[in-house]
C-alpha atoms as a PDB file:
ATOM      1  CA  MET A   1       3.019 158.539 187.373  1.00  0.00           C
ATOM      2  CA  SER A   2       0.473 155.766 187.507  1.00  0.00           C
ATOM      3  CA  GLU A   3      -1.530 157.890 190.006  1.00  0.00           C
ATOM      4  CA  PHE A   4      -1.733 160.604 187.358  1.00  0.00           C
ATOM      5  CA  PHE A   5      -3.251 158.303 184.726  1.00  0.00           C
ATOM      6  CA  LEU A   6      -5.528 156.593 187.236  1.00  0.00           C
ATOM      7  CA  ALA A   7      -6.929 159.920 188.392  1.00  0.00           C
ATOM      8  CA  LEU A   8      -7.236 161.122 184.808  1.00  0.00           C
ATOM      9  CA  VAL A   9      -9.240 158.105 183.675  1.00  0.00           C
ATOM     10  CA  SER A  10     -11.264 158.092 186.826  1.00  0.00           C
ATOM     11  CA  ALA A  11     -12.229 161.781 186.524  1.00  0.00           C
ATOM     12  CA  ALA A  12     -12.977 161.531 182.790  1.00  0.00           C
ATOM     13  CA  LEU A  13     -14.956 158.345 182.744  1.00  0.00           C
ATOM     14  CA  ILE A  14     -15.980 157.058 186.174  1.00  0.00           C
ATOM     15  CA  ASN A  15     -16.329 160.010 188.537  1.00  0.00           C
ATOM     16  CA  ASN A  16     -17.393 162.484 185.873  1.00  0.00           C
ATOM     17  CA  LEU A  17     -18.151 165.923 187.317  1.00  0.00           C
ATOM     18  CA  VAL A  18     -21.342 166.279 185.288  1.00  0.00           C
ATOM     19  CA  LEU A  19     -22.803 162.788 185.318  1.00  0.00           C
ATOM     20  CA  HIS A  20     -21.763 161.540 188.761  1.00  0.00           C
ATOM     21  CA  GLN A  21     -21.574 164.744 190.789  1.00  0.00           C
ATOM     22  CA  GLY A  22     -23.783 167.133 188.804  1.00  0.00           C
ATOM     23  CA  LEU A  23     -21.359 170.044 189.105  1.00  0.00           C
ATOM     24  CA  ALA A  24     -21.080 171.599 185.657  1.00  0.00           C
ATOM     25  CA  ILE A  25     -24.567 171.186 184.274  1.00  0.00           C
ATOM     26  CA  ASP A  26     -24.938 174.073 181.907  1.00  0.00           C
ATOM     27  CA  PRO A  27     -28.087 176.069 181.023  1.00  0.00           C
ATOM     28  CA  LEU A  28     -26.804 176.285 177.431  1.00  0.00           C
ATOM     29  CA  LEU A  29     -27.422 172.576 177.020  1.00  0.00           C
ATOM     30  CA  ARG A  30     -30.777 172.675 178.834  1.00  0.00           C
ATOM     31  CA  SER A  31     -32.269 175.481 176.711  1.00  0.00           C
ATOM     32  CA  ASP A  32     -35.262 174.952 174.437  1.00  0.00           C
ATOM     33  CA  THR A  33     -33.414 176.017 171.358  1.00  0.00           C
ATOM     34  CA  ASP A  34     -30.817 173.763 169.734  1.00  0.00           C
ATOM     35  CA  PRO A  35     -27.365 175.113 170.747  1.00  0.00           C
ATOM     36  CA  ASP A  36     -24.729 175.681 168.163  1.00  0.00           C
ATOM     37  CA  ARG A  37     -22.379 172.710 168.271  1.00  0.00           C
ATOM     38  CA  ARG A  38     -19.325 174.988 167.963  1.00  0.00           C
ATOM     39  CA  GLN A  39     -20.478 176.970 171.006  1.00  0.00           C
ATOM     40  CA  VAL A  40     -20.788 173.767 173.028  1.00  0.00           C
ATOM     41  CA  HIS A  41     -17.268 172.765 171.992  1.00  0.00           C
ATOM     42  CA  ALA A  42     -16.011 176.247 172.889  1.00  0.00           C
ATOM     43  CA  LEU A  43     -17.673 175.950 176.276  1.00  0.00           C
ATOM     44  CA  GLY A  44     -16.098 172.521 176.876  1.00  0.00           C
ATOM     45  CA  LEU A  45     -12.637 173.767 175.927  1.00  0.00           C
ATOM     46  CA  ALA A  46     -12.965 176.859 178.074  1.00  0.00           C
ATOM     47  CA  THR A  47     -14.120 174.766 180.983  1.00  0.00           C
ATOM     48  CA  LEU A  48     -11.205 172.402 180.562  1.00  0.00           C
ATOM     49  CA  VAL A  49      -8.635 175.159 180.496  1.00  0.00           C
ATOM     50  CA  SER A  50     -10.252 177.034 183.418  1.00  0.00           C
ATOM     51  CA  LEU A  51     -10.408 173.808 185.492  1.00  0.00           C
ATOM     52  CA  VAL A  52      -6.711 173.186 185.011  1.00  0.00           C
ATOM     53  CA  VAL A  53      -5.742 176.814 185.712  1.00  0.00           C
ATOM     54  CA  ALA A  54      -8.084 177.564 188.616  1.00  0.00           C
ATOM     55  CA  VAL A  55      -7.759 174.258 190.426  1.00  0.00           C
ATOM     56  CA  GLY A  56      -4.029 174.017 189.877  1.00  0.00           C
ATOM     57  CA  LEU A  57      -3.385 177.550 191.139  1.00  0.00           C
ATOM     58  CA  GLY A  58      -5.797 177.059 193.995  1.00  0.00           C
ATOM     59  CA  GLN A  59      -4.037 173.935 195.234  1.00  0.00           C
ATOM     60  CA  LEU A  60      -0.609 175.596 194.924  1.00  0.00           C
ATOM     61  CA  ILE A  61      -1.802 178.556 197.006  1.00  0.00           C
ATOM     62  CA  TYR A  62      -3.539 176.250 199.478  1.00  0.00           C
ATOM     63  CA  HIS A  63      -0.529 173.979 199.997  1.00  0.00           C
ATOM     64  CA  LEU A  64       2.192 176.590 199.815  1.00  0.00           C
ATOM     65  CA  ALA A  65       0.583 179.577 201.565  1.00  0.00           C
ATOM     66  CA  LEU A  66      -2.625 178.772 203.468  1.00  0.00           C
ATOM     67  CA  LEU A  67      -1.555 175.519 205.128  1.00  0.00           C
ATOM     68  CA  PRO A  68       1.908 176.726 206.374  1.00  0.00           C
ATOM     69  CA  LEU A  69       0.347 179.944 207.717  1.00  0.00           C
ATOM     70  CA  GLN A  70      -2.583 177.985 209.281  1.00  0.00           C
ATOM     71  CA  LEU A  71      -5.134 179.953 207.273  1.00  0.00           C
ATOM     72  CA  GLU A  72      -7.104 176.965 205.987  1.00  0.00           C
ATOM     73  CA  TYR A  73     -10.390 178.721 206.770  1.00  0.00           C
ATOM     74  CA  LEU A  74      -9.700 181.257 203.977  1.00  0.00           C
ATOM     75  CA  ARG A  75      -9.673 178.626 201.252  1.00  0.00           C
ATOM     76  CA  LEU A  76     -13.262 179.269 200.133  1.00  0.00           C
ATOM     77  CA  PHE A  77     -12.463 182.958 199.516  1.00  0.00           C
ATOM     78  CA  VAL A  78      -9.240 182.181 197.713  1.00  0.00           C
ATOM     79  CA  PHE A  79     -10.822 179.502 195.530  1.00  0.00           C
ATOM     80  CA  LEU A  80     -13.803 181.701 194.744  1.00  0.00           C
ATOM     81  CA  ALA A  81     -11.526 184.497 193.557  1.00  0.00           C
ATOM     82  CA  LEU A  82      -9.465 182.040 191.468  1.00  0.00           C
ATOM     83  CA  CYS A  83     -12.658 180.663 189.884  1.00  0.00           C
ATOM     84  CA  VAL A  84     -13.971 184.050 188.836  1.00  0.00           C
ATOM     85  CA  LEU A  85     -11.040 186.392 188.140  1.00  0.00           C
ATOM     86  CA  PRO A  86      -9.096 184.554 185.439  1.00  0.00           C
ATOM     87  CA  ILE A  87     -12.146 183.711 183.254  1.00  0.00           C
ATOM     88  CA  LYS A  88     -12.286 186.931 181.163  1.00  0.00           C
ATOM     89  CA  PRO A  89      -8.545 186.895 180.316  1.00  0.00           C
ATOM     90  CA  LEU A  90      -8.712 183.177 179.655  1.00  0.00           C
ATOM     91  CA  LEU A  91     -11.595 183.638 177.205  1.00  0.00           C
ATOM     92  CA  ALA A  92      -9.669 186.453 175.483  1.00  0.00           C
ATOM     93  CA  VAL A  93      -6.625 184.205 175.080  1.00  0.00           C
ATOM     94  CA  LEU A  94      -8.725 181.358 173.758  1.00  0.00           C
ATOM     95  CA  THR A  95     -10.447 183.735 171.296  1.00  0.00           C
ATOM     96  CA  ARG A  96      -7.048 184.770 169.948  1.00  0.00           C
ATOM     97  CA  LEU A  97      -5.706 181.216 169.749  1.00  0.00           C
ATOM     98  CA  LEU A  98      -8.832 179.642 168.265  1.00  0.00           C
ATOM     99  CA  PRO A  99     -10.768 182.306 166.307  1.00  0.00           C
ATOM    100  CA  THR A 100     -13.049 179.720 164.671  1.00  0.00           C
ATOM    101  CA  LEU A 101     -14.751 178.858 167.943  1.00  0.00           C
ATOM    102  CA  PRO A 102     -17.391 181.357 169.328  1.00  0.00           C
ATOM    103  CA  PHE A 103     -16.066 182.144 172.836  1.00  0.00           C
ATOM    104  CA  ASP A 104     -18.018 185.401 173.030  1.00  0.00           C
ATOM    105  CA  GLY A 105     -21.083 185.122 175.164  1.00  0.00           C
ATOM    106  CA  LEU A 106     -19.617 182.388 177.389  1.00  0.00           C
ATOM    107  CA  LEU A 107     -18.586 184.726 180.214  1.00  0.00           C
ATOM    108  CA  PRO A 108     -21.857 184.427 182.242  1.00  0.00           C
ATOM    109  CA  LEU A 109     -21.825 180.634 181.852  1.00  0.00           C
ATOM    110  CA  MET A 110     -18.212 180.326 182.938  1.00  0.00           C
ATOM    111  CA  VAL A 111     -18.550 182.620 185.942  1.00  0.00           C
ATOM    112  CA  GLY A 112     -21.421 180.450 187.232  1.00  0.00           C
ATOM    113  CA  ASN A 113     -19.576 177.225 186.616  1.00  0.00           C
ATOM    114  CA  LEU A 114     -19.718 175.228 189.840  1.00  0.00           C
ATOM    115  CA  ALA A 115     -17.240 172.622 188.700  1.00  0.00           C
ATOM    116  CA  LEU A 116     -14.363 175.052 189.343  1.00  0.00           C
ATOM    117  CA  LEU A 117     -15.217 175.729 192.951  1.00  0.00           C
ATOM    118  CA  GLY A 118     -16.481 172.215 193.640  1.00  0.00           C
ATOM    119  CA  LEU A 119     -13.380 170.500 192.394  1.00  0.00           C
ATOM    120  CA  SER A 120     -11.110 172.997 194.172  1.00  0.00           C
ATOM    121  CA  LEU A 121     -12.852 172.308 197.479  1.00  0.00           C
ATOM    122  CA  GLN A 122     -12.857 168.546 196.931  1.00  0.00           C
ATOM    123  CA  ALA A 123      -9.160 168.547 196.138  1.00  0.00           C
ATOM    124  CA  SER A 124      -8.303 170.573 199.224  1.00  0.00           C
ATOM    125  CA  GLU A 125     -10.350 168.292 201.473  1.00  0.00           C
ATOM    126  CA  GLY A 126      -8.688 165.172 200.140  1.00  0.00           C
ATOM    127  CA  SER A 127      -5.013 164.431 200.530  1.00  0.00           C
ATOM    128  CA  TYR A 128      -4.275 164.938 196.821  1.00  0.00           C
ATOM    129  CA  GLY A 129      -0.915 166.129 195.578  1.00  0.00           C
ATOM    130  CA  ILE A 130      -0.485 168.765 192.943  1.00  0.00           C
ATOM    131  CA  LEU A 131       0.005 166.254 190.139  1.00  0.00           C
ATOM    132  CA  GLN A 132      -3.056 164.223 191.080  1.00  0.00           C
ATOM    133  CA  THR A 133      -5.122 167.450 191.402  1.00  0.00           C
ATOM    134  CA  LEU A 134      -4.045 168.497 187.902  1.00  0.00           C
ATOM    135  CA  SER A 135      -4.994 165.095 186.579  1.00  0.00           C
ATOM    136  CA  TRP A 136      -8.426 165.336 188.263  1.00  0.00           C
ATOM    137  CA  SER A 137      -9.030 168.771 186.709  1.00  0.00           C
ATOM    138  CA  LEU A 138      -7.817 167.671 183.273  1.00  0.00           C
ATOM    139  CA  GLY A 139      -9.917 164.526 183.445  1.00  0.00           C
ATOM    140  CA  GLY A 140     -12.931 166.459 184.673  1.00  0.00           C
ATOM    141  CA  GLY A 141     -12.633 168.860 181.761  1.00  0.00           C
ATOM    142  CA  LEU A 142     -12.156 166.054 179.240  1.00  0.00           C
ATOM    143  CA  GLY A 143     -15.184 164.197 180.639  1.00  0.00           C
END
């Protein structure tokens, strides 16, 4: 359990995906106009949930299906599909659950989010377990 908290704090504060690795730098934040603060919060929440879902499912498929069948070379295609396909349903669920946040218009930004694919590939290359991978994705989204 201490590995979970260590990975969570490390991903959120020390090895931040944006600051340290430059993975999820968003064009919304780099635009000339001042972005709506609620839209930035909606983007952060959507990224957090998609990191947990995509990376968690990706690692489960990688460890339970690809490794036993010796199909490790297909991990990029599997991770890419898991990073793109659940985004629209995820945004629809978040819109229903939190109607005060503007999740509409975030689809292009979420589809091009490199943090999902980058963290999935990093977790598969390392010898991380499922719990540590989930803590990395949760910490990355919180950071």
